[in-house]
Amino acid sequence: SYITHSLQVEGLRGIVTVPSRLESTALVFTYGVDVFFTRIAPSRTYDSLTEDFSYALLLITIVALVGAIIATWILSEKKELREKWR
């Protein structure tokens, strides 16, 4: 009942499970008079973002890293030009 959310699969004749391409998940298909299909994560999904994930902080981090790359590139070009004039 955990997998079927308290629903009964009537006339159950078989259960087929296969691993999915996502980490830590499997696909479950049950059949009989009724059919039921779901994806389960026995160890909970650890490769998914939580609902309180801070997209703003991620964006700020990306912008800061791009800014640092550009600043480093400019300083490197200036240093290289200075050394060529020596």
PDB file of N, CA and C in Angstrom:
ATOM      1  N   SER A   1       0.814  -1.203   0.000  1.00  0.00           N
ATOM      2  CA  SER A   1       0.000   0.000   0.000  1.00  0.00           C
ATOM      3  C   SER A   1       0.855   1.263   0.000  1.00  0.00           C
ATOM      4  N   TYR A   2       2.130   1.148   0.391  1.00  0.00           N
ATOM      5  CA  TYR A   2       3.016   2.315   0.371  1.00  0.00           C
ATOM      6  C   TYR A   2       3.205   2.806  -1.061  1.00  0.00           C
ATOM      7  N   ILE A   3       3.459   1.887  -1.964  1.00  0.00           N
ATOM      8  CA  ILE A   3       3.724   2.260  -3.351  1.00  0.00           C
ATOM      9  C   ILE A   3       2.456   2.710  -4.062  1.00  0.00           C
ATOM     10  N   THR A   4       1.336   2.057  -3.784  1.00  0.00           N
ATOM     11  CA  THR A   4       0.089   2.372  -4.488  1.00  0.00           C
ATOM     12  C   THR A   4      -0.730   3.458  -3.801  1.00  0.00           C
ATOM     13  N   HIS A   5      -0.186   4.081  -2.784  1.00  0.00           N
ATOM     14  CA  HIS A   5      -0.881   5.169  -2.085  1.00  0.00           C
ATOM     15  C   HIS A   5      -2.230   4.702  -1.541  1.00  0.00           C
ATOM     16  N   SER A   6      -2.239   3.559  -0.901  1.00  0.00           N
ATOM     17  CA  SER A   6      -3.426   2.959  -0.276  1.00  0.00           C
ATOM     18  C   SER A   6      -4.494   2.517  -1.276  1.00  0.00           C
ATOM     19  N   LEU A   7      -4.145   2.399  -2.540  1.00  0.00           N
ATOM     20  CA  LEU A   7      -5.072   1.888  -3.547  1.00  0.00           C
ATOM     21  C   LEU A   7      -4.801   0.403  -3.755  1.00  0.00           C
ATOM     22  N   GLN A   8      -5.842  -0.361  -4.028  1.00  0.00           N
ATOM     23  CA  GLN A   8      -5.681  -1.798  -4.265  1.00  0.00           C
ATOM     24  C   GLN A   8      -5.627  -2.067  -5.759  1.00  0.00           C
ATOM     25  N   VAL A   9      -4.718  -2.942  -6.156  1.00  0.00           N
ATOM     26  CA  VAL A   9      -4.658  -3.404  -7.536  1.00  0.00           C
ATOM     27  C   VAL A   9      -5.432  -4.714  -7.582  1.00  0.00           C
ATOM     28  N   GLU A  10      -6.616  -4.671  -8.167  1.00  0.00           N
ATOM     29  CA  GLU A  10      -7.506  -5.840  -8.175  1.00  0.00           C
ATOM     30  C   GLU A  10      -6.971  -6.934  -9.089  1.00  0.00           C
ATOM     31  N   GLY A  11      -7.120  -8.164  -8.641  1.00  0.00           N
ATOM     32  CA  GLY A  11      -6.736  -9.320  -9.446  1.00  0.00           C
ATOM     33  C   GLY A  11      -5.273  -9.318  -9.823  1.00  0.00           C
ATOM     34  N   LEU A  12      -4.422  -8.983  -8.895  1.00  0.00           N
ATOM     35  CA  LEU A  12      -2.984  -8.865  -9.157  1.00  0.00           C
ATOM     36  C   LEU A  12      -2.426 -10.177  -9.707  1.00  0.00           C
ATOM     37  N   ARG A  13      -1.815 -10.099 -10.894  1.00  0.00           N
ATOM     38  CA  ARG A  13      -1.208 -11.282 -11.507  1.00  0.00           C
ATOM     39  C   ARG A  13       0.305 -11.180 -11.584  1.00  0.00           C
ATOM     40  N   GLY A  14       0.845  -9.977 -11.529  1.00  0.00           N
ATOM     41  CA  GLY A  14       2.294  -9.858 -11.607  1.00  0.00           C
ATOM     42  C   GLY A  14       2.791  -8.462 -11.296  1.00  0.00           C
ATOM     43  N   ILE A  15       4.070  -8.418 -10.935  1.00  0.00           N
ATOM     44  CA  ILE A  15       4.748  -7.152 -10.650  1.00  0.00           C
ATOM     45  C   ILE A  15       6.052  -7.151 -11.439  1.00  0.00           C
ATOM     46  N   VAL A  16       6.291  -6.068 -12.165  1.00  0.00           N
ATOM     47  CA  VAL A  16       7.526  -5.927 -12.933  1.00  0.00           C
ATOM     48  C   VAL A  16       8.246  -4.689 -12.417  1.00  0.00           C
ATOM     49  N   THR A  17       9.527  -4.841 -12.078  1.00  0.00           N
ATOM     50  CA  THR A  17      10.334  -3.696 -11.645  1.00  0.00           C
ATOM     51  C   THR A  17      11.586  -3.634 -12.501  1.00  0.00           C
ATOM     52  N   VAL A  18      11.969  -2.420 -12.856  1.00  0.00           N
ATOM     53  CA  VAL A  18      13.203  -2.201 -13.607  1.00  0.00           C
ATOM     54  C   VAL A  18      13.867  -0.938 -13.073  1.00  0.00           C
ATOM     55  N   PRO A  19      15.202  -0.899 -13.111  1.00  0.00           N
ATOM     56  CA  PRO A  19      15.878   0.332 -12.685  1.00  0.00           C
ATOM     57  C   PRO A  19      15.646   1.431 -13.721  1.00  0.00           C
ATOM     58  N   SER A  20      15.537   2.648 -13.243  1.00  0.00           N
ATOM     59  CA  SER A  20      15.389   3.769 -14.174  1.00  0.00           C
ATOM     60  C   SER A  20      16.761   4.365 -14.436  1.00  0.00           C
ATOM     61  N   ARG A  21      16.815   5.329 -15.320  1.00  0.00           N
ATOM     62  CA  ARG A  21      18.097   5.969 -15.621  1.00  0.00           C
ATOM     63  C   ARG A  21      18.448   7.054 -14.604  1.00  0.00           C
ATOM     64  N   LEU A  22      17.511   7.388 -13.741  1.00  0.00           N
ATOM     65  CA  LEU A  22      17.792   8.329 -12.662  1.00  0.00           C
ATOM     66  C   LEU A  22      18.434   7.582 -11.509  1.00  0.00           C
ATOM     67  N   GLU A  23      19.328   8.242 -10.814  1.00  0.00           N
ATOM     68  CA  GLU A  23      19.991   7.593  -9.687  1.00  0.00           C
ATOM     69  C   GLU A  23      18.989   7.277  -8.589  1.00  0.00           C
ATOM     70  N   SER A  24      19.128   6.114  -8.005  1.00  0.00           N
ATOM     71  CA  SER A  24      18.368   5.717  -6.826  1.00  0.00           C
ATOM     72  C   SER A  24      16.861   5.625  -7.050  1.00  0.00           C
ATOM     73  N   THR A  25      16.424   5.319  -8.263  1.00  0.00           N
ATOM     74  CA  THR A  25      14.995   5.150  -8.501  1.00  0.00           C
ATOM     75  C   THR A  25      14.739   3.884  -9.312  1.00  0.00           C
ATOM     76  N   ALA A  26      13.538   3.370  -9.196  1.00  0.00           N
ATOM     77  CA  ALA A  26      13.116   2.192  -9.957  1.00  0.00           C
ATOM     78  C   ALA A  26      11.699   2.417 -10.463  1.00  0.00           C
ATOM     79  N   LEU A  27      11.356   1.743 -11.554  1.00  0.00           N
ATOM     80  CA  LEU A  27      10.010   1.808 -12.107  1.00  0.00           C
ATOM     81  C   LEU A  27       9.281   0.529 -11.727  1.00  0.00           C
ATOM     82  N   VAL A  28       8.051   0.667 -11.252  1.00  0.00           N
ATOM     83  CA  VAL A  28       7.258  -0.483 -10.812  1.00  0.00           C
ATOM     84  C   VAL A  28       5.956  -0.505 -11.610  1.00  0.00           C
ATOM     85  N   PHE A  29       5.666  -1.658 -12.208  1.00  0.00           N
ATOM     86  CA  PHE A  29       4.430  -1.854 -12.965  1.00  0.00           C
ATOM     87  C   PHE A  29       3.745  -3.095 -12.426  1.00  0.00           C
ATOM     88  N   THR A  30       2.494  -2.953 -12.004  1.00  0.00           N
ATOM     89  CA  THR A  30       1.714  -4.102 -11.538  1.00  0.00           C
ATOM     90  C   THR A  30       0.536  -4.275 -12.483  1.00  0.00           C
ATOM     91  N   TYR A  31       0.161  -5.524 -12.699  1.00  0.00           N
ATOM     92  CA  TYR A  31      -0.927  -5.785 -13.636  1.00  0.00           C
ATOM     93  C   TYR A  31      -1.795  -6.932 -13.152  1.00  0.00           C
ATOM     94  N   GLY A  32      -2.958  -6.955 -13.658  1.00  0.00           N
ATOM     95  CA  GLY A  32      -3.991  -7.926 -13.332  1.00  0.00           C
ATOM     96  C   GLY A  32      -5.270  -7.396 -13.942  1.00  0.00           C
ATOM     97  N   VAL A  33      -6.359  -7.362 -13.168  1.00  0.00           N
ATOM     98  CA  VAL A  33      -7.584  -6.713 -13.639  1.00  0.00           C
ATOM     99  C   VAL A  33      -7.322  -5.209 -13.750  1.00  0.00           C
ATOM    100  N   ASP A  34      -6.623  -4.665 -12.767  1.00  0.00           N
ATOM    101  CA  ASP A  34      -6.193  -3.267 -12.784  1.00  0.00           C
ATOM    102  C   ASP A  34      -4.721  -3.219 -13.161  1.00  0.00           C
ATOM    103  N   VAL A  35      -4.272  -2.044 -13.552  1.00  0.00           N
ATOM    104  CA  VAL A  35      -2.842  -1.821 -13.776  1.00  0.00           C
ATOM    105  C   VAL A  35      -2.430  -0.610 -12.952  1.00  0.00           C
ATOM    106  N   PHE A  36      -1.166  -0.611 -12.545  1.00  0.00           N
ATOM    107  CA  PHE A  36      -0.633   0.509 -11.777  1.00  0.00           C
ATOM    108  C   PHE A  36       0.829   0.668 -12.148  1.00  0.00           C
ATOM    109  N   PHE A  37       1.262   1.919 -12.327  1.00  0.00           N
ATOM    110  CA  PHE A  37       2.649   2.213 -12.681  1.00  0.00           C
ATOM    111  C   PHE A  37       3.121   3.388 -11.846  1.00  0.00           C
ATOM    112  N   THR A  38       4.335   3.295 -11.321  1.00  0.00           N
ATOM    113  CA  THR A  38       4.897   4.400 -10.547  1.00  0.00           C
ATOM    114  C   THR A  38       6.415   4.332 -10.558  1.00  0.00           C
ATOM    115  N   ARG A  39       7.018   5.419 -10.173  1.00  0.00           N
ATOM    116  CA  ARG A  39       8.467   5.481  -9.977  1.00  0.00           C
ATOM    117  C   ARG A  39       8.703   5.593  -8.478  1.00  0.00           C
ATOM    118  N   ILE A  40       9.581   4.762  -7.948  1.00  0.00           N
ATOM    119  CA  ILE A  40       9.850   4.811  -6.512  1.00  0.00           C
ATOM    120  C   ILE A  40      11.320   5.114  -6.275  1.00  0.00           C
ATOM    121  N   ALA A  41      11.591   5.686  -5.119  1.00  0.00           N
ATOM    122  CA  ALA A  41      12.955   5.987  -4.697  1.00  0.00           C
ATOM    123  C   ALA A  41      13.128   5.436  -3.289  1.00  0.00           C
ATOM    124  N   PRO A  42      13.607   4.201  -3.166  1.00  0.00           N
ATOM    125  CA  PRO A  42      13.723   3.577  -1.845  1.00  0.00           C
ATOM    126  C   PRO A  42      14.593   4.370  -0.868  1.00  0.00           C
ATOM    127  N   SER A  43      15.638   5.000  -1.369  1.00  0.00           N
ATOM    128  CA  SER A  43      16.544   5.763  -0.504  1.00  0.00           C
ATOM    129  C   SER A  43      16.247   7.251  -0.567  1.00  0.00           C
ATOM    130  N   ARG A  44      15.053   7.606  -0.971  1.00  0.00           N
ATOM    131  CA  ARG A  44      14.661   8.992  -1.205  1.00  0.00           C
ATOM    132  C   ARG A  44      15.539   9.571  -2.307  1.00  0.00           C
ATOM    133  N   THR A  45      15.021  10.512  -3.020  1.00  0.00           N
ATOM    134  CA  THR A  45      15.794  11.088  -4.117  1.00  0.00           C
ATOM    135  C   THR A  45      16.765  12.113  -3.563  1.00  0.00           C
ATOM    136  N   TYR A  46      18.032  11.858  -3.746  1.00  0.00           N
ATOM    137  CA  TYR A  46      19.045  12.790  -3.262  1.00  0.00           C
ATOM    138  C   TYR A  46      19.570  13.659  -4.389  1.00  0.00           C
ATOM    139  N   ASP A  47      19.199  13.363  -5.621  1.00  0.00           N
ATOM    140  CA  ASP A  47      19.669  14.155  -6.742  1.00  0.00           C
ATOM    141  C   ASP A  47      18.609  15.146  -7.227  1.00  0.00           C
ATOM    142  N   SER A  48      17.673  15.479  -6.363  1.00  0.00           N
ATOM    143  CA  SER A  48      16.634  16.452  -6.688  1.00  0.00           C
ATOM    144  C   SER A  48      16.787  17.676  -5.796  1.00  0.00           C
ATOM    145  N   LEU A  49      16.358  18.816  -6.305  1.00  0.00           N
ATOM    146  CA  LEU A  49      16.431  20.042  -5.518  1.00  0.00           C
ATOM    147  C   LEU A  49      15.259  20.101  -4.550  1.00  0.00           C
ATOM    148  N   THR A  50      15.526  20.616  -3.360  1.00  0.00           N
ATOM    149  CA  THR A  50      14.462  20.782  -2.381  1.00  0.00           C
ATOM    150  C   THR A  50      13.610  21.992  -2.765  1.00  0.00           C
ATOM    151  N   GLU A  51      12.440  22.089  -2.162  1.00  0.00           N
ATOM    152  CA  GLU A  51      11.541  23.197  -2.490  1.00  0.00           C
ATOM    153  C   GLU A  51      12.087  24.542  -2.026  1.00  0.00           C
ATOM    154  N   ASP A  52      12.930  24.540  -0.991  1.00  0.00           N
ATOM    155  CA  ASP A  52      13.471  25.799  -0.493  1.00  0.00           C
ATOM    156  C   ASP A  52      14.851  26.103  -1.078  1.00  0.00           C
ATOM    157  N   PHE A  53      15.186  25.494  -2.220  1.00  0.00           N
ATOM    158  CA  PHE A  53      16.469  25.747  -2.868  1.00  0.00           C
ATOM    159  C   PHE A  53      16.559  27.215  -3.267  1.00  0.00           C
ATOM    160  N   SER A  54      17.697  27.834  -2.996  1.00  0.00           N
ATOM    161  CA  SER A  54      17.871  29.260  -3.249  1.00  0.00           C
ATOM    162  C   SER A  54      18.410  29.487  -4.665  1.00  0.00           C
ATOM    163  N   TYR A  55      17.500  29.737  -5.593  1.00  0.00           N
ATOM    164  CA  TYR A  55      17.907  30.025  -6.969  1.00  0.00           C
ATOM    165  C   TYR A  55      18.626  31.373  -7.039  1.00  0.00           C
ATOM    166  N   ALA A  56      18.224  32.307  -6.184  1.00  0.00           N
ATOM    167  CA  ALA A  56      18.865  33.623  -6.170  1.00  0.00           C
ATOM    168  C   ALA A  56      20.332  33.493  -5.777  1.00  0.00           C
ATOM    169  N   LEU A  57      20.621  32.690  -4.764  1.00  0.00           N
ATOM    170  CA  LEU A  57      22.010  32.489  -4.349  1.00  0.00           C
ATOM    171  C   LEU A  57      22.811  31.807  -5.450  1.00  0.00           C
ATOM    172  N   LEU A  58      22.208  30.860  -6.144  1.00  0.00           N
ATOM    173  CA  LEU A  58      22.882  30.198  -7.262  1.00  0.00           C
ATOM    174  C   LEU A  58      23.211  31.207  -8.353  1.00  0.00           C
ATOM    175  N   LEU A  59      22.256  32.070  -8.685  1.00  0.00           N
ATOM    176  CA  LEU A  59      22.475  33.084  -9.707  1.00  0.00           C
ATOM    177  C   LEU A  59      23.566  34.067  -9.288  1.00  0.00           C
ATOM    178  N   ILE A  60      23.552  34.492  -8.027  1.00  0.00           N
ATOM    179  CA  ILE A  60      24.586  35.401  -7.517  1.00  0.00           C
ATOM    180  C   ILE A  60      25.957  34.741  -7.602  1.00  0.00           C
ATOM    181  N   THR A  61      26.044  33.468  -7.249  1.00  0.00           N
ATOM    182  CA  THR A  61      27.315  32.745  -7.310  1.00  0.00           C
ATOM    183  C   THR A  61      27.829  32.659  -8.743  1.00  0.00           C
ATOM    184  N   ILE A  62      26.943  32.351  -9.685  1.00  0.00           N
ATOM    185  CA  ILE A  62      27.355  32.254 -11.086  1.00  0.00           C
ATOM    186  C   ILE A  62      27.842  33.603 -11.599  1.00  0.00           C
ATOM    187  N   VAL A  63      27.104  34.669 -11.284  1.00  0.00           N
ATOM    188  CA  VAL A  63      27.504  36.013 -11.716  1.00  0.00           C
ATOM    189  C   VAL A  63      28.849  36.390 -11.099  1.00  0.00           C
ATOM    190  N   ALA A  64      29.051  36.073  -9.820  1.00  0.00           N
ATOM    191  CA  ALA A  64      30.325  36.375  -9.161  1.00  0.00           C
ATOM    192  C   ALA A  64      31.477  35.611  -9.807  1.00  0.00           C
ATOM    193  N   LEU A  65      31.257  34.353 -10.139  1.00  0.00           N
ATOM    194  CA  LEU A  65      32.313  33.565 -10.782  1.00  0.00           C
ATOM    195  C   LEU A  65      32.636  34.092 -12.178  1.00  0.00           C
ATOM    196  N   VAL A  66      31.615  34.451 -12.942  1.00  0.00           N
ATOM    197  CA  VAL A  66      31.855  35.027 -14.270  1.00  0.00           C
ATOM    198  C   VAL A  66      32.597  36.354 -14.133  1.00  0.00           C
ATOM    199  N   GLY A  67      32.209  37.171 -13.158  1.00  0.00           N
ATOM    200  CA  GLY A  67      32.911  38.431 -12.905  1.00  0.00           C
ATOM    201  C   GLY A  67      34.366  38.206 -12.528  1.00  0.00           C
ATOM    202  N   ALA A  68      34.626  37.203 -11.699  1.00  0.00           N
ATOM    203  CA  ALA A  68      36.003  36.889 -11.310  1.00  0.00           C
ATOM    204  C   ALA A  68      36.812  36.408 -12.509  1.00  0.00           C
ATOM    205  N   ILE A  69      36.206  35.637 -13.377  1.00  0.00           N
ATOM    206  CA  ILE A  69      36.906  35.168 -14.587  1.00  0.00           C
ATOM    207  C   ILE A  69      37.264  36.344 -15.485  1.00  0.00           C
ATOM    208  N   ILE A  70      36.319  37.253 -15.679  1.00  0.00           N
ATOM    209  CA  ILE A  70      36.574  38.420 -16.532  1.00  0.00           C
ATOM    210  C   ILE A  70      37.643  39.310 -15.915  1.00  0.00           C
ATOM    211  N   ALA A  71      37.556  39.562 -14.607  1.00  0.00           N
ATOM    212  CA  ALA A  71      38.553  40.405 -13.933  1.00  0.00           C
ATOM    213  C   ALA A  71      39.936  39.776 -14.018  1.00  0.00           C
ATOM    214  N   THR A  72      40.034  38.490 -13.804  1.00  0.00           N
ATOM    215  CA  THR A  72      41.321  37.800 -13.887  1.00  0.00           C
ATOM    216  C   THR A  72      41.878  37.866 -15.301  1.00  0.00           C
ATOM    217  N   TRP A  73      41.019  37.715 -16.291  1.00  0.00           N
ATOM    218  CA  TRP A  73      41.457  37.779 -17.685  1.00  0.00           C
ATOM    219  C   TRP A  73      41.999  39.170 -18.017  1.00  0.00           C
ATOM    220  N   ILE A  74      41.288  40.217 -17.573  1.00  0.00           N
ATOM    221  CA  ILE A  74      41.734  41.591 -17.832  1.00  0.00           C
ATOM    222  C   ILE A  74      43.070  41.854 -17.151  1.00  0.00           C
ATOM    223  N   LEU A  75      43.203  41.457 -15.884  1.00  0.00           N
ATOM    224  CA  LEU A  75      44.471  41.662 -15.175  1.00  0.00           C
ATOM    225  C   LEU A  75      45.607  40.892 -15.838  1.00  0.00           C
ATOM    226  N   SER A  76      45.328  39.701 -16.321  1.00  0.00           N
ATOM    227  CA  SER A  76      46.341  38.900 -17.004  1.00  0.00           C
ATOM    228  C   SER A  76      46.787  39.578 -18.295  1.00  0.00           C
ATOM    229  N   GLU A  77      45.840  40.124 -19.044  1.00  0.00           N
ATOM    230  CA  GLU A  77      46.183  40.825 -20.289  1.00  0.00           C
ATOM    231  C   GLU A  77      47.032  42.063 -19.999  1.00  0.00           C
ATOM    232  N   LYS A  78      46.672  42.810 -18.954  1.00  0.00           N
ATOM    233  CA  LYS A  78      47.448  44.003 -18.596  1.00  0.00           C
ATOM    234  C   LYS A  78      48.861  43.631 -18.182  1.00  0.00           C
ATOM    235  N   LYS A  79      48.995  42.568 -17.397  1.00  0.00           N
ATOM    236  CA  LYS A  79      50.316  42.127 -16.950  1.00  0.00           C
ATOM    237  C   LYS A  79      51.149  41.673 -18.142  1.00  0.00           C
ATOM    238  N   GLU A  80      50.546  40.955 -19.052  1.00  0.00           N
ATOM    239  CA  GLU A  80      51.264  40.477 -20.234  1.00  0.00           C
ATOM    240  C   GLU A  80      51.732  41.653 -21.087  1.00  0.00           C
ATOM    241  N   LEU A  81      50.889  42.670 -21.255  1.00  0.00           N
ATOM    242  CA  LEU A  81      51.258  43.851 -22.029  1.00  0.00           C
ATOM    243  C   LEU A  81      52.389  44.616 -21.348  1.00  0.00           C
ATOM    244  N   ARG A  82      52.317  44.750 -20.015  1.00  0.00           N
ATOM    245  CA  ARG A  82      53.383  45.422 -19.264  1.00  0.00           C
ATOM    246  C   ARG A  82      54.715  44.703 -19.434  1.00  0.00           C
ATOM    247  N   GLU A  83      54.681  43.371 -19.383  1.00  0.00           N
ATOM    248  CA  GLU A  83      55.915  42.595 -19.514  1.00  0.00           C
ATOM    249  C   GLU A  83      56.484  42.686 -20.925  1.00  0.00           C
ATOM    250  N   LYS A  84      55.642  42.852 -21.933  1.00  0.00           N
ATOM    251  CA  LYS A  84      56.131  42.998 -23.305  1.00  0.00           C
ATOM    252  C   LYS A  84      56.849  44.329 -23.496  1.00  0.00           C
ATOM    253  N   TRP A  85      56.467  45.356 -22.746  1.00  0.00           N
ATOM    254  CA  TRP A  85      57.082  46.669 -22.871  1.00  0.00           C
ATOM    255  C   TRP A  85      58.389  46.772 -22.091  1.00  0.00           C
ATOM    256  N   ARG A  86      58.710  45.802 -21.290  1.00  0.00           N
ATOM    257  CA  ARG A  86      59.966  45.858 -20.520  1.00  0.00           C
ATOM    258  C   ARG A  86      61.134  45.464 -21.342  1.00  0.00           C
TER     259      ARG A  86
END
